[in-house]
C-alpha cells in the first residue's frame, strides 16, 4: 500500500491554531535533522499531554511545548510538569511572539512551517531508568497505534 511508511504525514487533530501547526512542522524538521523521531500530542503518565516528544538515537527524550502567542504562554501553568518526563524541555514559537517571555531554564526554538532554529539549548536533566523505559514504551505504542490507524482506520473501535 505505502512504499515508504516513514513518509506518512502526522495525524491532524484540529485543535492547533495555524501558527501552532506551522511551528509543529518546523520543529519536526529540526528534530529530524538532529536524528530524532517525533510523536505529537503524546499523553504522559501524569495526565498531561506533550505537544511534541522527540526520541534520539541514543534514547534521549526531548519534550517541546509549542506556544503560539503571549496569552498561550501566560495561561499555561502546566508546562513545569513536563520536566519529569524528558531529558530536555524546550519551548517552540514563531517570529511574532517575543522570545524574552520564555524562561531561561528551558530551551528555545524559533520555527515556521519550513524549518526551525535552536535559539537556546535546554539544560539536561537525565531521566531515571524506569521513567525512561516507561516513556520509550509510551512513545513506541503511540507511534505504532497511529501507524496502524492509517492502515486500518476502523481499528480504534477495537480498543479495550
C-alpha atoms as a PDB file:
ATOM      1  CA  UNK A   1       0.000   0.000   0.000  1.00  0.00           C
ATOM      2  CA  UNK A   2       2.703   2.518   1.057  1.00  0.00           C
ATOM      3  CA  UNK A   3       6.183   2.246  -0.389  1.00  0.00           C
ATOM      4  CA  UNK A   4       7.810   4.224   2.415  1.00  0.00           C
ATOM      5  CA  UNK A   5       5.838   4.370   5.654  1.00  0.00           C
ATOM      6  CA  UNK A   6       8.333   6.824   7.181  1.00  0.00           C
ATOM      7  CA  UNK A   7       6.983   9.473   4.816  1.00  0.00           C
ATOM      8  CA  UNK A   8       3.418   9.386   6.127  1.00  0.00           C
ATOM      9  CA  UNK A   9       2.152  12.740   7.404  1.00  0.00           C
ATOM     10  CA  UNK A  10       1.490  13.163  11.133  1.00  0.00           C
ATOM     11  CA  UNK A  11      -2.112  12.916  12.292  1.00  0.00           C
ATOM     12  CA  UNK A  12      -4.013  16.199  12.415  1.00  0.00           C
ATOM     13  CA  UNK A  13      -6.450  16.566  15.280  1.00  0.00           C
ATOM     14  CA  UNK A  14      -7.753  20.073  14.519  1.00  0.00           C
ATOM     15  CA  UNK A  15      -7.063  21.590  17.955  1.00  0.00           C
ATOM     16  CA  UNK A  16      -3.993  23.561  16.914  1.00  0.00           C
ATOM     17  CA  UNK A  17      -4.065  27.085  15.524  1.00  0.00           C
ATOM     18  CA  UNK A  18      -2.489  27.643  12.105  1.00  0.00           C
ATOM     19  CA  UNK A  19       0.551  29.174  13.869  1.00  0.00           C
ATOM     20  CA  UNK A  20       0.916  26.161  16.181  1.00  0.00           C
ATOM     21  CA  UNK A  21       0.584  23.758  13.247  1.00  0.00           C
ATOM     22  CA  UNK A  22       3.308  25.617  11.350  1.00  0.00           C
ATOM     23  CA  UNK A  23       5.600  25.640  14.400  1.00  0.00           C
ATOM     24  CA  UNK A  24       4.982  21.922  14.940  1.00  0.00           C
ATOM     25  CA  UNK A  25       6.015  21.191  11.351  1.00  0.00           C
ATOM     26  CA  UNK A  26       9.185  23.272  11.666  1.00  0.00           C
ATOM     27  CA  UNK A  27      10.059  21.608  14.983  1.00  0.00           C
ATOM     28  CA  UNK A  28       9.625  18.217  13.347  1.00  0.00           C
ATOM     29  CA  UNK A  29      12.046  19.174  10.617  1.00  0.00           C
ATOM     30  CA  UNK A  30      14.603  20.403  13.157  1.00  0.00           C
ATOM     31  CA  UNK A  31      14.305  17.213  15.208  1.00  0.00           C
ATOM     32  CA  UNK A  32      14.661  15.086  12.075  1.00  0.00           C
ATOM     33  CA  UNK A  33      17.911  16.855  11.104  1.00  0.00           C
ATOM     34  CA  UNK A  34      19.235  16.097  14.602  1.00  0.00           C
ATOM     35  CA  UNK A  35      18.420  12.383  14.316  1.00  0.00           C
ATOM     36  CA  UNK A  36      15.220  12.410  16.374  1.00  0.00           C
ATOM     37  CA  UNK A  37      11.920  10.706  15.670  1.00  0.00           C
ATOM     38  CA  UNK A  38       8.845  12.616  16.793  1.00  0.00           C
ATOM     39  CA  UNK A  39       5.367  11.932  18.139  1.00  0.00           C
ATOM     40  CA  UNK A  40       2.881  14.755  18.625  1.00  0.00           C
ATOM     41  CA  UNK A  41       0.204  15.119  21.296  1.00  0.00           C
ATOM     42  CA  UNK A  42       1.636  12.312  23.441  1.00  0.00           C
ATOM     43  CA  UNK A  43      -0.279  11.619  26.670  1.00  0.00           C
ATOM     44  CA  UNK A  44       2.071  11.408  29.651  1.00  0.00           C
ATOM     45  CA  UNK A  45       1.814   9.318  32.810  1.00  0.00           C
ATOM     46  CA  UNK A  46       0.964  12.404  34.896  1.00  0.00           C
ATOM     47  CA  UNK A  47      -2.147  13.113  32.809  1.00  0.00           C
ATOM     48  CA  UNK A  48      -0.571  15.916  30.782  1.00  0.00           C
ATOM     49  CA  UNK A  49      -0.196  15.794  27.008  1.00  0.00           C
ATOM     50  CA  UNK A  50       3.079  16.886  25.412  1.00  0.00           C
ATOM     51  CA  UNK A  51       2.829  18.839  22.163  1.00  0.00           C
ATOM     52  CA  UNK A  52       5.933  17.165  20.694  1.00  0.00           C
ATOM     53  CA  UNK A  53       8.118  14.375  22.047  1.00  0.00           C
ATOM     54  CA  UNK A  54      11.409  13.695  20.296  1.00  0.00           C
ATOM     55  CA  UNK A  55      13.301  10.441  20.655  1.00  0.00           C
ATOM     56  CA  UNK A  56      17.002  10.497  19.815  1.00  0.00           C
ATOM     57  CA  UNK A  57      19.059   7.600  18.521  1.00  0.00           C
ATOM     58  CA  UNK A  58      20.664   7.090  21.933  1.00  0.00           C
ATOM     59  CA  UNK A  59      17.318   7.093  23.733  1.00  0.00           C
ATOM     60  CA  UNK A  60      17.389  10.772  24.723  1.00  0.00           C
ATOM     61  CA  UNK A  61      13.892  12.213  25.174  1.00  0.00           C
ATOM     62  CA  UNK A  62      13.027  15.833  24.475  1.00  0.00           C
ATOM     63  CA  UNK A  63       9.680  17.490  25.045  1.00  0.00           C
ATOM     64  CA  UNK A  64       8.830  20.589  23.010  1.00  0.00           C
ATOM     65  CA  UNK A  65       5.968  22.755  24.246  1.00  0.00           C
ATOM     66  CA  UNK A  66       4.536  24.902  21.442  1.00  0.00           C
ATOM     67  CA  UNK A  67       3.337  28.397  22.280  1.00  0.00           C
ATOM     68  CA  UNK A  68       1.604  30.332  19.514  1.00  0.00           C
ATOM     69  CA  UNK A  69       1.023  33.615  21.393  1.00  0.00           C
ATOM     70  CA  UNK A  70       1.872  35.539  24.549  1.00  0.00           C
ATOM     71  CA  UNK A  71      -1.518  34.627  26.013  1.00  0.00           C
ATOM     72  CA  UNK A  72      -0.980  30.955  25.168  1.00  0.00           C
ATOM     73  CA  UNK A  73       2.200  31.043  27.264  1.00  0.00           C
ATOM     74  CA  UNK A  74       0.779  33.113  30.134  1.00  0.00           C
ATOM     75  CA  UNK A  75      -2.307  30.960  30.723  1.00  0.00           C
ATOM     76  CA  UNK A  76      -0.380  27.676  30.606  1.00  0.00           C
ATOM     77  CA  UNK A  77       0.685  26.745  34.110  1.00  0.00           C
ATOM     78  CA  UNK A  78       1.227  23.045  33.424  1.00  0.00           C
ATOM     79  CA  UNK A  79       4.485  23.118  31.470  1.00  0.00           C
ATOM     80  CA  UNK A  80       6.740  22.563  34.540  1.00  0.00           C
ATOM     81  CA  UNK A  81       5.048  19.139  34.878  1.00  0.00           C
ATOM     82  CA  UNK A  82       6.713  18.034  31.616  1.00  0.00           C
ATOM     83  CA  UNK A  83      10.224  18.068  33.100  1.00  0.00           C
ATOM     84  CA  UNK A  84       9.723  14.736  34.874  1.00  0.00           C
ATOM     85  CA  UNK A  85       9.097  13.044  31.511  1.00  0.00           C
ATOM     86  CA  UNK A  86      12.099  14.237  29.489  1.00  0.00           C
ATOM     87  CA  UNK A  87      15.842  14.769  29.442  1.00  0.00           C
ATOM     88  CA  UNK A  88      15.437  18.259  27.986  1.00  0.00           C
ATOM     89  CA  UNK A  89      12.484  20.655  27.838  1.00  0.00           C
ATOM     90  CA  UNK A  90      12.068  23.230  25.077  1.00  0.00           C
ATOM     91  CA  UNK A  91       9.575  25.901  24.112  1.00  0.00           C
ATOM     92  CA  UNK A  92       8.907  26.498  20.430  1.00  0.00           C
ATOM     93  CA  UNK A  93       7.230  29.522  18.931  1.00  0.00           C
ATOM     94  CA  UNK A  94       7.093  31.685  15.814  1.00  0.00           C
ATOM     95  CA  UNK A  95       8.545  35.091  14.951  1.00  0.00           C
ATOM     96  CA  UNK A  96       5.511  37.134  16.106  1.00  0.00           C
ATOM     97  CA  UNK A  97       5.955  36.026  19.741  1.00  0.00           C
ATOM     98  CA  UNK A  98       8.644  37.825  21.782  1.00  0.00           C
ATOM     99  CA  UNK A  99      11.323  35.342  22.810  1.00  0.00           C
ATOM    100  CA  UNK A 100      12.101  37.058  26.111  1.00  0.00           C
ATOM    101  CA  UNK A 101       8.850  35.787  27.699  1.00  0.00           C
ATOM    102  CA  UNK A 102      10.179  32.225  27.855  1.00  0.00           C
ATOM    103  CA  UNK A 103      12.023  31.000  30.962  1.00  0.00           C
ATOM    104  CA  UNK A 104      15.814  30.801  30.746  1.00  0.00           C
ATOM    105  CA  UNK A 105      15.844  27.322  32.309  1.00  0.00           C
ATOM    106  CA  UNK A 106      14.263  25.763  29.208  1.00  0.00           C
ATOM    107  CA  UNK A 107      15.469  25.504  25.637  1.00  0.00           C
ATOM    108  CA  UNK A 108      14.015  27.741  22.942  1.00  0.00           C
ATOM    109  CA  UNK A 109      13.182  27.015  19.307  1.00  0.00           C
ATOM    110  CA  UNK A 110      12.033  29.547  16.727  1.00  0.00           C
ATOM    111  CA  UNK A 111      10.083  27.861  13.947  1.00  0.00           C
ATOM    112  CA  UNK A 112       7.829  28.247  10.956  1.00  0.00           C
ATOM    113  CA  UNK A 113       6.334  25.727   8.558  1.00  0.00           C
ATOM    114  CA  UNK A 114       9.621  25.315   6.682  1.00  0.00           C
ATOM    115  CA  UNK A 115      12.108  24.779   9.456  1.00  0.00           C
ATOM    116  CA  UNK A 116      13.329  25.832  12.862  1.00  0.00           C
ATOM    117  CA  UNK A 117      16.361  27.202  14.629  1.00  0.00           C
ATOM    118  CA  UNK A 118      17.562  26.263  18.073  1.00  0.00           C
ATOM    119  CA  UNK A 119      17.861  29.645  19.778  1.00  0.00           C
ATOM    120  CA  UNK A 120      18.841  28.301  23.203  1.00  0.00           C
ATOM    121  CA  UNK A 121      19.910  24.814  24.240  1.00  0.00           C
ATOM    122  CA  UNK A 122      17.886  23.223  27.038  1.00  0.00           C
ATOM    123  CA  UNK A 123      19.620  22.183  30.238  1.00  0.00           C
ATOM    124  CA  UNK A 124      19.892  18.439  30.623  1.00  0.00           C
ATOM    125  CA  UNK A 125      18.192  16.629  33.482  1.00  0.00           C
ATOM    126  CA  UNK A 126      18.612  12.915  32.855  1.00  0.00           C
ATOM    127  CA  UNK A 127      15.586  10.705  33.357  1.00  0.00           C
ATOM    128  CA  UNK A 128      15.676   7.849  35.834  1.00  0.00           C
ATOM    129  CA  UNK A 129      15.911   4.456  34.135  1.00  0.00           C
ATOM    130  CA  UNK A 130      12.359   3.376  34.986  1.00  0.00           C
ATOM    131  CA  UNK A 131      10.919   6.673  33.751  1.00  0.00           C
ATOM    132  CA  UNK A 132      12.927   6.456  30.513  1.00  0.00           C
ATOM    133  CA  UNK A 133      11.659   2.912  29.910  1.00  0.00           C
ATOM    134  CA  UNK A 134       8.061   3.990  30.528  1.00  0.00           C
ATOM    135  CA  UNK A 135       8.440   6.950  28.136  1.00  0.00           C
ATOM    136  CA  UNK A 136      10.018   4.770  25.455  1.00  0.00           C
ATOM    137  CA  UNK A 137       7.111   2.323  25.686  1.00  0.00           C
ATOM    138  CA  UNK A 138       4.571   5.169  25.616  1.00  0.00           C
ATOM    139  CA  UNK A 139       6.289   6.683  22.563  1.00  0.00           C
ATOM    140  CA  UNK A 140       6.542   3.360  20.719  1.00  0.00           C
ATOM    141  CA  UNK A 141       2.943   2.372  21.393  1.00  0.00           C
ATOM    142  CA  UNK A 142       1.587   5.766  20.322  1.00  0.00           C
ATOM    143  CA  UNK A 143       3.611   5.683  17.104  1.00  0.00           C
ATOM    144  CA  UNK A 144       2.583   2.092  16.325  1.00  0.00           C
ATOM    145  CA  UNK A 145      -1.110   2.729  17.069  1.00  0.00           C
ATOM    146  CA  UNK A 146      -1.107   5.821  14.841  1.00  0.00           C
ATOM    147  CA  UNK A 147       0.552   3.931  12.016  1.00  0.00           C
ATOM    148  CA  UNK A 148      -1.935   1.094  12.419  1.00  0.00           C
ATOM    149  CA  UNK A 149      -4.762   3.661  12.343  1.00  0.00           C
ATOM    150  CA  UNK A 150      -3.547   4.859   8.946  1.00  0.00           C
ATOM    151  CA  UNK A 151      -3.509   1.319   7.611  1.00  0.00           C
ATOM    152  CA  UNK A 152      -6.820   0.335   9.283  1.00  0.00           C
ATOM    153  CA  UNK A 153      -8.898   3.405  10.249  1.00  0.00           C
ATOM    154  CA  UNK A 154     -11.553   1.197  11.878  1.00  0.00           C
ATOM    155  CA  UNK A 155      -9.061  -0.348  14.314  1.00  0.00           C
ATOM    156  CA  UNK A 156      -9.729   2.278  17.033  1.00  0.00           C
ATOM    157  CA  UNK A 157     -13.084   0.640  17.675  1.00  0.00           C
ATOM    158  CA  UNK A 158     -11.194  -2.460  18.850  1.00  0.00           C
ATOM    159  CA  UNK A 159      -9.629  -0.736  21.873  1.00  0.00           C
ATOM    160  CA  UNK A 160     -10.476  -2.242  25.251  1.00  0.00           C
END
